Amino acid sequence: MKIWTTDVTFDSPWETVAQAVWRKYPNKFNPCVVATDVVDRYVEKGILHSERVVTSKFPVPGWVEAIIGTHSAAFSHEISQVDPKKRSFSMQVKNLSLGACLELRERLTYDADQNDSNKTHFHMEQYVTVFGVPLSSYLEDSLVETVRNNSVKGKLAIENVIQLIETEVDHWKREVETLTKETERCLETLSLSVRDTVDSWAVVAAEELRTENTPPPGSEPS
């Protein structure tokens, strides 16, 4: 078994990073993942539980394919838990393809930084085990290297989506500000119009009242 771990800090709040994880694919920086299919999703005690099947096409060295076989696509099983109260996102992934000779497990966590609420800490552990085939140790090293390279692409993919989300948020902020200003102008115009109308009614009413109380010309007071 080969174990590989990595830690990354994203300069974005946990809420933004959590959204980016869900919107990570498809992504030009990590085109290996071609599909994600939701199998189950539910909320229990305030925690979002999800189960997905992920379809990938990873480039594998030819000599590795010669030993473990060639597959046009690889499938993996993903289970995740999102706890918005604790600001924690955990994920466990295990391969479904090539199960007779390969076990690839991943544990990923996205947690809000304890010292800076505008940062998110990402931790990943990957366990690679090859069995029942020749050169298993060499195969494990090769697969770990592939995983390491893909993790770099995965980070770029997350950062790309974070930038997209931040751009969308800025856009909607400007839209809301514009709408708010337009609403304020409309309310001000309406207020002035109502005030002018009320003033006009008051003038007319006063004139009518004055006319009613004014005796006709030439009439003698009784």
Foldseek 3Di string as FASTA:
>chain_A
DDKDKDKDKDQAALVLLVVLVVVLPPFPLQNFWPDKAWPDWDADPQKIKTKIKIKGAFDADPVLCVWLNDDRIWIKIKIWIQHVVQSKIKMKIWTPPSPVFKIKIKIKMWGQDPVDNGMIMIMMMIDIFGDDTPPRVVSRVRVVVSVVVSVVSSVVSSVVSSVVVVVVVVVVVVVVVVVVVVVVVVVVVVVVVVVVVVVVVVVVVVVVVVVVPDDDPPDDDD
